[in-house]
Amino acid sequence: NFALLADNLAVIVALTLGLIAAKAAVLYVLAIVFKLRGADR
């Protein structure tokens, strides 16, 4: 929905990047705990 996106561009982009960063952080910690290494992590 580009109309809604244009009206709330900063909020939507910030929420999207925040979601990706938060989930990536959780996943990275789990990768360490479950002993994934190198590029696999």
Full PDB file with SEQRES, HELIX, SHEET, SSBOND, CRYST1, ORIGX, SCALE, CONECT and MASTER records, all heavy atoms in Angstrom:
SEQRES   1 A   41  ASN PHE ALA LEU LEU ALA ASP ASN LEU ALA VAL ILE VAL          
SEQRES   2 A   41  ALA LEU THR LEU GLY LEU ILE ALA ALA LYS ALA ALA VAL          
SEQRES   3 A   41  LEU TYR VAL LEU ALA ILE VAL PHE LYS LEU ARG GLY ALA          
SEQRES   4 A   41  ASP ARG                                                      
HELIX    1 AA1 PHE A    2  ASP A    7  1                                   6    
HELIX    2 AA2 LEU A    9  VAL A   33  1                                  25    
HELIX    3 AA3 GLY A   38  ASP A   40  5                                   3    
CRYST1    1.000    1.000    1.000  90.00  90.00  90.00 P 1           1          
ORIGX1      1.000000  0.000000  0.000000        0.00000                         
ORIGX2      0.000000  1.000000  0.000000        0.00000                         
ORIGX3      0.000000  0.000000  1.000000        0.00000                         
SCALE1      1.000000  0.000000  0.000000        0.00000                         
SCALE2      0.000000  1.000000  0.000000        0.00000                         
SCALE3      0.000000  0.000000  1.000000        0.00000                         
ATOM      1  N   ASN A   1       0.855  -1.189   0.000  1.00  0.00           N  
ATOM      2  CA  ASN A   1       0.000   0.000   0.000  1.00  0.00           C  
ATOM      3  C   ASN A   1       0.892   1.240   0.000  1.00  0.00           C  
ATOM      4  O   ASN A   1       1.307   1.726   1.057  1.00  0.00           O  
ATOM      5  CB  ASN A   1      -0.913  -0.022   1.226  1.00  0.00           C  
ATOM      6  CG  ASN A   1      -1.955   1.086   1.193  1.00  0.00           C  
ATOM      7  OD1 ASN A   1      -1.771   2.106   0.530  1.00  0.00           O  
ATOM      8  ND2 ASN A   1      -3.050   0.885   1.912  1.00  0.00           N  
ATOM      9  N   PHE A   2       1.178   1.741  -1.190  1.00  0.00           N  
ATOM     10  CA  PHE A   2       2.133   2.845  -1.295  1.00  0.00           C  
ATOM     11  C   PHE A   2       1.576   4.149  -0.737  1.00  0.00           C  
ATOM     12  O   PHE A   2       2.341   5.008  -0.286  1.00  0.00           O  
ATOM     13  CB  PHE A   2       2.567   3.023  -2.753  1.00  0.00           C  
ATOM     14  CG  PHE A   2       3.510   1.953  -3.224  1.00  0.00           C  
ATOM     15  CD1 PHE A   2       3.041   0.881  -3.968  1.00  0.00           C  
ATOM     16  CD2 PHE A   2       4.856   1.999  -2.894  1.00  0.00           C  
ATOM     17  CE1 PHE A   2       3.897  -0.121  -4.396  1.00  0.00           C  
ATOM     18  CE2 PHE A   2       5.731   1.002  -3.318  1.00  0.00           C  
ATOM     19  CZ  PHE A   2       5.246  -0.069  -4.073  1.00  0.00           C  
ATOM     20  N   ALA A   3       0.257   4.320  -0.770  1.00  0.00           N  
ATOM     21  CA  ALA A   3      -0.337   5.539  -0.197  1.00  0.00           C  
ATOM     22  C   ALA A   3      -0.111   5.573   1.312  1.00  0.00           C  
ATOM     23  O   ALA A   3       0.330   6.593   1.871  1.00  0.00           O  
ATOM     24  CB  ALA A   3      -1.824   5.588  -0.527  1.00  0.00           C  
ATOM     25  N   LEU A   4      -0.397   4.449   1.980  1.00  0.00           N  
ATOM     26  CA  LEU A   4      -0.169   4.369   3.425  1.00  0.00           C  
ATOM     27  C   LEU A   4       1.317   4.454   3.741  1.00  0.00           C  
ATOM     28  O   LEU A   4       1.719   5.082   4.734  1.00  0.00           O  
ATOM     29  CB  LEU A   4      -0.752   3.058   3.965  1.00  0.00           C  
ATOM     30  CG  LEU A   4      -0.624   2.822   5.475  1.00  0.00           C  
ATOM     31  CD1 LEU A   4      -1.335   3.912   6.257  1.00  0.00           C  
ATOM     32  CD2 LEU A   4      -1.165   1.436   5.850  1.00  0.00           C  
ATOM     33  N   LEU A   5       2.128   3.852   2.886  1.00  0.00           N  
ATOM     34  CA  LEU A   5       3.578   3.902   3.094  1.00  0.00           C  
ATOM     35  C   LEU A   5       4.098   5.334   2.991  1.00  0.00           C  
ATOM     36  O   LEU A   5       4.942   5.759   3.801  1.00  0.00           O  
ATOM     37  CB  LEU A   5       4.282   3.011   2.064  1.00  0.00           C  
ATOM     38  CG  LEU A   5       5.808   2.979   2.111  1.00  0.00           C  
ATOM     39  CD1 LEU A   5       6.296   2.449   3.454  1.00  0.00           C  
ATOM     40  CD2 LEU A   5       6.356   2.122   0.971  1.00  0.00           C  
ATOM     41  N   ALA A   6       3.593   6.082   2.018  1.00  0.00           N  
ATOM     42  CA  ALA A   6       4.035   7.468   1.848  1.00  0.00           C  
ATOM     43  C   ALA A   6       3.635   8.336   3.045  1.00  0.00           C  
ATOM     44  O   ALA A   6       4.402   9.203   3.483  1.00  0.00           O  
ATOM     45  CB  ALA A   6       3.452   8.047   0.561  1.00  0.00           C  
ATOM     46  N   ASP A   7       2.449   8.077   3.584  1.00  0.00           N  
ATOM     47  CA  ASP A   7       1.977   8.870   4.725  1.00  0.00           C  
ATOM     48  C   ASP A   7       2.746   8.562   6.009  1.00  0.00           C  
ATOM     49  O   ASP A   7       2.817   9.393   6.913  1.00  0.00           O  
ATOM     50  CB  ASP A   7       0.479   8.618   4.961  1.00  0.00           C  
ATOM     51  CG  ASP A   7      -0.375   9.160   3.819  1.00  0.00           C  
ATOM     52  OD1 ASP A   7       0.105  10.050   3.102  1.00  0.00           O  
ATOM     53  OD2 ASP A   7      -1.517   8.661   3.650  1.00  0.00           O  
ATOM     54  N   ASN A   8       3.288   7.337   6.105  1.00  0.00           N  
ATOM     55  CA  ASN A   8       3.979   6.925   7.340  1.00  0.00           C  
ATOM     56  C   ASN A   8       5.365   6.359   7.012  1.00  0.00           C  
ATOM     57  O   ASN A   8       5.803   5.377   7.631  1.00  0.00           O  
ATOM     58  CB  ASN A   8       3.152   5.861   8.076  1.00  0.00           C  
ATOM     59  CG  ASN A   8       1.764   6.324   8.427  1.00  0.00           C  
ATOM     60  OD1 ASN A   8       1.534   6.932   9.451  1.00  0.00           O  
ATOM     61  ND2 ASN A   8       0.804   6.016   7.537  1.00  0.00           N  
ATOM     62  N   LEU A   9       6.036   6.972   6.051  1.00  0.00           N  
ATOM     63  CA  LEU A   9       7.272   6.411   5.528  1.00  0.00           C  
ATOM     64  C   LEU A   9       8.327   6.202   6.607  1.00  0.00           C  
ATOM     65  O   LEU A   9       8.885   5.095   6.749  1.00  0.00           O  
ATOM     66  CB  LEU A   9       7.837   7.311   4.422  1.00  0.00           C  
ATOM     67  CG  LEU A   9       9.120   6.793   3.747  1.00  0.00           C  
ATOM     68  CD1 LEU A   9       8.851   5.453   3.076  1.00  0.00           C  
ATOM     69  CD2 LEU A   9       9.632   7.817   2.735  1.00  0.00           C  
ATOM     70  N   ALA A  10       8.593   7.222   7.393  1.00  0.00           N  
ATOM     71  CA  ALA A  10       9.657   7.132   8.402  1.00  0.00           C  
ATOM     72  C   ALA A  10       9.333   6.059   9.438  1.00  0.00           C  
ATOM     73  O   ALA A  10      10.203   5.263   9.817  1.00  0.00           O  
ATOM     74  CB  ALA A  10       9.854   8.489   9.084  1.00  0.00           C  
ATOM     75  N   VAL A  11       8.074   6.026   9.878  1.00  0.00           N  
ATOM     76  CA  VAL A  11       7.671   5.057  10.901  1.00  0.00           C  
ATOM     77  C   VAL A  11       7.781   3.631  10.363  1.00  0.00           C  
ATOM     78  O   VAL A  11       8.343   2.736  11.027  1.00  0.00           O  
ATOM     79  CB  VAL A  11       6.233   5.342  11.383  1.00  0.00           C  
ATOM     80  CG1 VAL A  11       5.760   4.242  12.324  1.00  0.00           C  
ATOM     81  CG2 VAL A  11       6.167   6.697  12.066  1.00  0.00           C  
ATOM     82  N   ILE A  12       7.248   3.399   9.168  1.00  0.00           N  
ATOM     83  CA  ILE A  12       7.241   2.046   8.591  1.00  0.00           C  
ATOM     84  C   ILE A  12       8.658   1.557   8.343  1.00  0.00           C  
ATOM     85  O   ILE A  12       9.010   0.409   8.667  1.00  0.00           O  
ATOM     86  CB  ILE A  12       6.427   2.010   7.284  1.00  0.00           C  
ATOM     87  CG1 ILE A  12       4.976   2.429   7.526  1.00  0.00           C  
ATOM     88  CG2 ILE A  12       6.487   0.616   6.648  1.00  0.00           C  
ATOM     89  CD1 ILE A  12       4.235   1.529   8.471  1.00  0.00           C  
ATOM     90  N   VAL A  13       9.490   2.417   7.768  1.00  0.00           N  
ATOM     91  CA  VAL A  13      10.881   2.020   7.490  1.00  0.00           C  
ATOM     92  C   VAL A  13      11.623   1.738   8.794  1.00  0.00           C  
ATOM     93  O   VAL A  13      12.372   0.756   8.905  1.00  0.00           O  
ATOM     94  CB  VAL A  13      11.606   3.118   6.682  1.00  0.00           C  
ATOM     95  CG1 VAL A  13      13.109   2.816   6.585  1.00  0.00           C  
ATOM     96  CG2 VAL A  13      11.006   3.223   5.285  1.00  0.00           C  
ATOM     97  N   ALA A  14      11.417   2.587   9.803  1.00  0.00           N  
ATOM     98  CA  ALA A  14      12.087   2.379  11.092  1.00  0.00           C  
ATOM     99  C   ALA A  14      11.635   1.073  11.739  1.00  0.00           C  
ATOM    100  O   ALA A  14      12.456   0.310  12.266  1.00  0.00           O  
ATOM    101  CB  ALA A  14      11.790   3.558  12.019  1.00  0.00           C  
ATOM    102  N   LEU A  15      10.336   0.797  11.684  1.00  0.00           N  
ATOM    103  CA  LEU A  15       9.823  -0.455  12.262  1.00  0.00           C  
ATOM    104  C   LEU A  15      10.372  -1.672  11.514  1.00  0.00           C  
ATOM    105  O   LEU A  15      10.719  -2.691  12.128  1.00  0.00           O  
ATOM    106  CB  LEU A  15       8.296  -0.468  12.223  1.00  0.00           C  
ATOM    107  CG  LEU A  15       7.575   0.489  13.183  1.00  0.00           C  
ATOM    108  CD1 LEU A  15       6.065   0.461  12.935  1.00  0.00           C  
ATOM    109  CD2 LEU A  15       7.873   0.115  14.644  1.00  0.00           C  
ATOM    110  N   THR A  16      10.451  -1.553  10.191  1.00  0.00           N  
ATOM    111  CA  THR A  16      10.958  -2.677   9.388  1.00  0.00           C  
ATOM    112  C   THR A  16      12.421  -2.964   9.702  1.00  0.00           C  
ATOM    113  O   THR A  16      12.804  -4.116   9.955  1.00  0.00           O  
ATOM    114  CB  THR A  16      10.803  -2.374   7.887  1.00  0.00           C  
ATOM    115  OG1 THR A  16       9.430  -2.103   7.589  1.00  0.00           O  
ATOM    116  CG2 THR A  16      11.274  -3.555   7.046  1.00  0.00           C  
ATOM    117  N   LEU A  17      13.237  -1.912   9.696  1.00  0.00           N  
ATOM    118  CA  LEU A  17      14.660  -2.097   9.989  1.00  0.00           C  
ATOM    119  C   LEU A  17      14.866  -2.554  11.435  1.00  0.00           C  
ATOM    120  O   LEU A  17      15.744  -3.381  11.716  1.00  0.00           O  
ATOM    121  CB  LEU A  17      15.414  -0.790   9.726  1.00  0.00           C  
ATOM    122  CG  LEU A  17      15.438  -0.315   8.265  1.00  0.00           C  
ATOM    123  CD1 LEU A  17      16.192   1.013   8.145  1.00  0.00           C  
ATOM    124  CD2 LEU A  17      16.072  -1.364   7.359  1.00  0.00           C  
ATOM    125  N   GLY A  18      14.037  -2.033  12.334  1.00  0.00           N  
ATOM    126  CA  GLY A  18      14.133  -2.456  13.731  1.00  0.00           C  
ATOM    127  C   GLY A  18      13.784  -3.925  13.898  1.00  0.00           C  
ATOM    128  O   GLY A  18      14.440  -4.651  14.668  1.00  0.00           O  
ATOM    129  N   LEU A  19      12.741  -4.372  13.185  1.00  0.00           N  
ATOM    130  CA  LEU A  19      12.357  -5.783  13.248  1.00  0.00           C  
ATOM    131  C   LEU A  19      13.484  -6.677  12.751  1.00  0.00           C  
ATOM    132  O   LEU A  19      13.843  -7.675  13.393  1.00  0.00           O  
ATOM    133  CB  LEU A  19      11.094  -6.013  12.415  1.00  0.00           C  
ATOM    134  CG  LEU A  19      10.681  -7.482  12.240  1.00  0.00           C  
ATOM    135  CD1 LEU A  19      10.250  -8.074  13.579  1.00  0.00           C  
ATOM    136  CD2 LEU A  19       9.567  -7.610  11.207  1.00  0.00           C  
ATOM    137  N   ILE A  20      14.060  -6.321  11.599  1.00  0.00           N  
ATOM    138  CA  ILE A  20      15.149  -7.124  11.028  1.00  0.00           C  
ATOM    139  C   ILE A  20      16.342  -7.162  11.982  1.00  0.00           C  
ATOM    140  O   ILE A  20      16.937  -8.226  12.210  1.00  0.00           O  
ATOM    141  CB  ILE A  20      15.558  -6.563   9.647  1.00  0.00           C  
ATOM    142  CG1 ILE A  20      14.418  -6.785   8.639  1.00  0.00           C  
ATOM    143  CG2 ILE A  20      16.841  -7.194   9.153  1.00  0.00           C  
ATOM    144  CD1 ILE A  20      14.667  -6.152   7.288  1.00  0.00           C  
ATOM    145  N   ALA A  21      16.675  -6.010  12.558  1.00  0.00           N  
ATOM    146  CA  ALA A  21      17.814  -5.951  13.477  1.00  0.00           C  
ATOM    147  C   ALA A  21      17.553  -6.786  14.733  1.00  0.00           C  
ATOM    148  O   ALA A  21      18.430  -7.521  15.197  1.00  0.00           O  
ATOM    149  CB  ALA A  21      18.098  -4.498  13.856  1.00  0.00           C  
ATOM    150  N   ALA A  22      16.337  -6.689  15.278  1.00  0.00           N  
ATOM    151  CA  ALA A  22      16.010  -7.419  16.506  1.00  0.00           C  
ATOM    152  C   ALA A  22      16.034  -8.932  16.270  1.00  0.00           C  
ATOM    153  O   ALA A  22      16.618  -9.694  17.055  1.00  0.00           O  
ATOM    154  CB  ALA A  22      14.642  -6.985  17.026  1.00  0.00           C  
ATOM    155  N   LYS A  23      15.414  -9.368  15.176  1.00  0.00           N  
ATOM    156  CA  LYS A  23      15.379 -10.808  14.893  1.00  0.00           C  
ATOM    157  C   LYS A  23      16.775 -11.329  14.562  1.00  0.00           C  
ATOM    158  O   LYS A  23      17.154 -12.438  14.969  1.00  0.00           O  
ATOM    159  CB  LYS A  23      14.418 -11.114  13.747  1.00  0.00           C  
ATOM    160  CG  LYS A  23      12.961 -10.886  14.103  1.00  0.00           C  
ATOM    161  CD  LYS A  23      12.014 -11.344  13.014  1.00  0.00           C  
ATOM    162  CE  LYS A  23      11.958 -12.852  12.909  1.00  0.00           C  
ATOM    163  NZ  LYS A  23      10.924 -13.300  11.950  1.00  0.00           N  
ATOM    164  N   ALA A  24      17.553 -10.536  13.830  1.00  0.00           N  
ATOM    165  CA  ALA A  24      18.919 -10.953  13.500  1.00  0.00           C  
ATOM    166  C   ALA A  24      19.759 -11.097  14.768  1.00  0.00           C  
ATOM    167  O   ALA A  24      20.573 -12.018  14.884  1.00  0.00           O  
ATOM    168  CB  ALA A  24      19.561  -9.948  12.542  1.00  0.00           C  
ATOM    169  N   ALA A  25      19.543 -10.200  15.720  1.00  0.00           N  
ATOM    170  CA  ALA A  25      20.294 -10.273  16.976  1.00  0.00           C  
ATOM    171  C   ALA A  25      19.938 -11.540  17.748  1.00  0.00           C  
ATOM    172  O   ALA A  25      20.815 -12.247  18.264  1.00  0.00           O  
ATOM    173  CB  ALA A  25      20.002  -9.034  17.832  1.00  0.00           C  
ATOM    174  N   VAL A  26      18.636 -11.843  17.830  1.00  0.00           N  
ATOM    175  CA  VAL A  26      18.202 -13.074  18.507  1.00  0.00           C  
ATOM    176  C   VAL A  26      18.793 -14.300  17.813  1.00  0.00           C  
ATOM    177  O   VAL A  26      19.310 -15.225  18.463  1.00  0.00           O  
ATOM    178  CB  VAL A  26      16.658 -13.157  18.522  1.00  0.00           C  
ATOM    179  CG1 VAL A  26      16.199 -14.532  19.025  1.00  0.00           C  
ATOM    180  CG2 VAL A  26      16.074 -12.056  19.395  1.00  0.00           C  
ATOM    181  N   LEU A  27      18.722 -14.316  16.496  1.00  0.00           N  
ATOM    182  CA  LEU A  27      19.229 -15.452  15.724  1.00  0.00           C  
ATOM    183  C   LEU A  27      20.737 -15.611  15.871  1.00  0.00           C  
ATOM    184  O   LEU A  27      21.252 -16.735  15.954  1.00  0.00           O  
ATOM    185  CB  LEU A  27      18.853 -15.273  14.244  1.00  0.00           C  
ATOM    186  CG  LEU A  27      17.358 -15.423  13.926  1.00  0.00           C  
ATOM    187  CD1 LEU A  27      17.032 -14.783  12.580  1.00  0.00           C  
ATOM    188  CD2 LEU A  27      16.958 -16.889  13.921  1.00  0.00           C  
ATOM    189  N   TYR A  28      21.445 -14.498  15.897  1.00  0.00           N  
ATOM    190  CA  TYR A  28      22.905 -14.567  16.028  1.00  0.00           C  
ATOM    191  C   TYR A  28      23.300 -15.150  17.389  1.00  0.00           C  
ATOM    192  O   TYR A  28      24.219 -15.971  17.482  1.00  0.00           O  
ATOM    193  CB  TYR A  28      23.516 -13.174  15.850  1.00  0.00           C  
ATOM    194  CG  TYR A  28      25.022 -13.195  15.674  1.00  0.00           C  
ATOM    195  CD1 TYR A  28      25.588 -13.430  14.430  1.00  0.00           C  
ATOM    196  CD2 TYR A  28      25.872 -12.987  16.760  1.00  0.00           C  
ATOM    197  CE1 TYR A  28      26.968 -13.459  14.260  1.00  0.00           C  
ATOM    198  CE2 TYR A  28      27.242 -13.011  16.610  1.00  0.00           C  
ATOM    199  CZ  TYR A  28      27.784 -13.249  15.351  1.00  0.00           C  
ATOM    200  OH  TYR A  28      29.147 -13.296  15.197  1.00  0.00           O  
ATOM    201  N   VAL A  29      22.583 -14.720  18.430  1.00  0.00           N  
ATOM    202  CA  VAL A  29      22.859 -15.268  19.770  1.00  0.00           C  
ATOM    203  C   VAL A  29      22.587 -16.767  19.792  1.00  0.00           C  
ATOM    204  O   VAL A  29      23.371 -17.559  20.334  1.00  0.00           O  
ATOM    205  CB  VAL A  29      22.011 -14.540  20.828  1.00  0.00           C  
ATOM    206  CG1 VAL A  29      22.109 -15.249  22.180  1.00  0.00           C  
ATOM    207  CG2 VAL A  29      22.464 -13.082  20.970  1.00  0.00           C  
ATOM    208  N   LEU A  30      21.483 -17.176  19.190  1.00  0.00           N  
ATOM    209  CA  LEU A  30      21.155 -18.606  19.139  1.00  0.00           C  
ATOM    210  C   LEU A  30      22.183 -19.383  18.320  1.00  0.00           C  
ATOM    211  O   LEU A  30      22.500 -20.537  18.642  1.00  0.00           O  
ATOM    212  CB  LEU A  30      19.756 -18.802  18.545  1.00  0.00           C  
ATOM    213  CG  LEU A  30      18.586 -18.330  19.414  1.00  0.00           C  
ATOM    214  CD1 LEU A  30      17.268 -18.473  18.676  1.00  0.00           C  
ATOM    215  CD2 LEU A  30      18.539 -19.105  20.725  1.00  0.00           C  
ATOM    216  N   ALA A  31      22.690 -18.753  17.271  1.00  0.00           N  
ATOM    217  CA  ALA A  31      23.721 -19.410  16.459  1.00  0.00           C  
ATOM    218  C   ALA A  31      24.972 -19.682  17.293  1.00  0.00           C  
ATOM    219  O   ALA A  31      25.617 -20.732  17.148  1.00  0.00           O  
ATOM    220  CB  ALA A  31      24.067 -18.543  15.249  1.00  0.00           C  
ATOM    221  N   ILE A  32      25.299 -18.748  18.179  1.00  0.00           N  
ATOM    222  CA  ILE A  32      26.450 -18.946  19.064  1.00  0.00           C  
ATOM    223  C   ILE A  32      26.165 -20.070  20.062  1.00  0.00           C  
ATOM    224  O   ILE A  32      26.990 -20.958  20.281  1.00  0.00           O  
ATOM    225  CB  ILE A  32      26.776 -17.636  19.814  1.00  0.00           C  
ATOM    226  CG1 ILE A  32      27.228 -16.550  18.818  1.00  0.00           C  
ATOM    227  CG2 ILE A  32      27.858 -17.870  20.867  1.00  0.00           C  
ATOM    228  CD1 ILE A  32      27.420 -15.188  19.453  1.00  0.00           C  
ATOM    229  N   VAL A  33      24.961 -20.027  20.648  1.00  0.00           N  
ATOM    230  CA  VAL A  33      24.588 -21.042  21.645  1.00  0.00           C  
ATOM    231  C   VAL A  33      24.592 -22.440  21.043  1.00  0.00           C  
ATOM    232  O   VAL A  33      25.061 -23.401  21.660  1.00  0.00           O  
ATOM    233  CB  VAL A  33      23.205 -20.723  22.249  1.00  0.00           C  
ATOM    234  CG1 VAL A  33      22.731 -21.853  23.148  1.00  0.00           C  
ATOM    235  CG2 VAL A  33      23.257 -19.402  23.020  1.00  0.00           C  
ATOM    236  N   PHE A  34      24.094 -22.560  19.812  1.00  0.00           N  
ATOM    237  CA  PHE A  34      24.008 -23.871  19.159  1.00  0.00           C  
ATOM    238  C   PHE A  34      25.240 -24.179  18.306  1.00  0.00           C  
ATOM    239  O   PHE A  34      25.230 -25.067  17.464  1.00  0.00           O  
ATOM    240  CB  PHE A  34      22.739 -23.958  18.311  1.00  0.00           C  
ATOM    241  CG  PHE A  34      21.502 -24.205  19.142  1.00  0.00           C  
ATOM    242  CD1 PHE A  34      20.853 -23.152  19.780  1.00  0.00           C  
ATOM    243  CD2 PHE A  34      20.996 -25.481  19.293  1.00  0.00           C  
ATOM    244  CE1 PHE A  34      19.722 -23.367  20.557  1.00  0.00           C  
ATOM    245  CE2 PHE A  34      19.859 -25.713  20.059  1.00  0.00           C  
ATOM    246  CZ  PHE A  34      19.224 -24.647  20.701  1.00  0.00           C  
ATOM    247  N   LYS A  35      26.293 -23.381  18.511  1.00  0.00           N  
ATOM    248  CA  LYS A  35      27.628 -23.671  17.977  1.00  0.00           C  
ATOM    249  C   LYS A  35      27.706 -23.677  16.456  1.00  0.00           C  
ATOM    250  O   LYS A  35      28.437 -24.461  15.863  1.00  0.00           O  
ATOM    251  CB  LYS A  35      28.145 -25.006  18.535  1.00  0.00           C  
ATOM    252  CG  LYS A  35      28.281 -25.007  20.058  1.00  0.00           C  
ATOM    253  CD  LYS A  35      28.807 -26.331  20.585  1.00  0.00           C  
ATOM    254  CE  LYS A  35      28.935 -26.297  22.108  1.00  0.00           C  
ATOM    255  NZ  LYS A  35      29.426 -27.570  22.670  1.00  0.00           N  
ATOM    256  N   LEU A  36      26.946 -22.773  15.822  1.00  0.00           N  
ATOM    257  CA  LEU A  36      27.172 -22.521  14.397  1.00  0.00           C  
ATOM    258  C   LEU A  36      28.399 -21.636  14.280  1.00  0.00           C  
ATOM    259  O   LEU A  36      28.628 -20.759  15.112  1.00  0.00           O  
ATOM    260  CB  LEU A  36      25.957 -21.836  13.771  1.00  0.00           C  
ATOM    261  CG  LEU A  36      24.686 -22.684  13.633  1.00  0.00           C  
ATOM    262  CD1 LEU A  36      23.570 -21.853  13.032  1.00  0.00           C  
ATOM    263  CD2 LEU A  36      24.940 -23.912  12.794  1.00  0.00           C  
ATOM    264  N   ARG A  37      29.177 -21.845  13.237  1.00  0.00           N  
ATOM    265  CA  ARG A  37      30.441 -21.111  13.124  1.00  0.00           C  
ATOM    266  C   ARG A  37      30.571 -20.435  11.756  1.00  0.00           C  
ATOM    267  O   ARG A  37      29.930 -20.825  10.790  1.00  0.00           O  
ATOM    268  CB  ARG A  37      31.628 -22.054  13.348  1.00  0.00           C  
ATOM    269  CG  ARG A  37      31.757 -22.547  14.776  1.00  0.00           C  
ATOM    270  CD  ARG A  37      32.944 -23.491  14.933  1.00  0.00           C  
ATOM    271  NE  ARG A  37      33.203 -23.822  16.326  1.00  0.00           N  
ATOM    272  CZ  ARG A  37      32.550 -24.744  17.012  1.00  0.00           C  
ATOM    273  NH1 ARG A  37      31.595 -25.435  16.414  1.00  0.00           N  
ATOM    274  NH2 ARG A  37      32.824 -24.985  18.268  1.00  0.00           N  
ATOM    275  N   GLY A  38      31.448 -19.451  11.746  1.00  0.00           N  
ATOM    276  CA  GLY A  38      31.834 -18.820  10.492  1.00  0.00           C  
ATOM    277  C   GLY A  38      30.662 -18.229   9.730  1.00  0.00           C  
ATOM    278  O   GLY A  38      29.754 -17.604  10.281  1.00  0.00           O  
ATOM    279  N   ALA A  39      30.674 -18.469   8.417  1.00  0.00           N  
ATOM    280  CA  ALA A  39      29.639 -17.911   7.549  1.00  0.00           C  
ATOM    281  C   ALA A  39      28.265 -18.472   7.862  1.00  0.00           C  
ATOM    282  O   ALA A  39      27.247 -17.807   7.644  1.00  0.00           O  
ATOM    283  CB  ALA A  39      30.006 -18.176   6.084  1.00  0.00           C  
ATOM    284  N   ASP A  40      28.198 -19.702   8.390  1.00  0.00           N  
ATOM    285  CA  ASP A  40      26.911 -20.309   8.730  1.00  0.00           C  
ATOM    286  C   ASP A  40      26.169 -19.487   9.772  1.00  0.00           C  
ATOM    287  O   ASP A  40      24.939 -19.382   9.735  1.00  0.00           O  
ATOM    288  CB  ASP A  40      27.118 -21.733   9.263  1.00  0.00           C  
ATOM    289  CG  ASP A  40      27.371 -22.729   8.156  1.00  0.00           C  
ATOM    290  OD1 ASP A  40      26.616 -22.712   7.171  1.00  0.00           O  
ATOM    291  OD2 ASP A  40      28.328 -23.501   8.254  1.00  0.00           O  
ATOM    292  N   ARG A  41      26.905 -18.921  10.706  1.00  0.00           N  
ATOM    293  CA  ARG A  41      26.302 -18.105  11.760  1.00  0.00           C  
ATOM    294  C   ARG A  41      25.596 -16.892  11.151  1.00  0.00           C  
ATOM    295  O   ARG A  41      24.467 -16.560  11.518  1.00  0.00           O  
ATOM    296  CB  ARG A  41      27.377 -17.673  12.747  1.00  0.00           C  
ATOM    297  CG  ARG A  41      26.878 -16.930  13.961  1.00  0.00           C  
ATOM    298  CD  ARG A  41      28.034 -16.597  14.892  1.00  0.00           C  
ATOM    299  NE  ARG A  41      28.621 -17.812  15.469  1.00  0.00           N  
ATOM    300  CZ  ARG A  41      29.717 -17.817  16.232  1.00  0.00           C  
ATOM    301  NH1 ARG A  41      30.352 -16.666  16.474  1.00  0.00           N  
ATOM    302  NH2 ARG A  41      30.175 -18.947  16.735  1.00  0.00           N  
TER     303      ARG A  41                                                      
MASTER        0    0    0    3    0    0    0    6  302    1    0    4          
END                                                                             
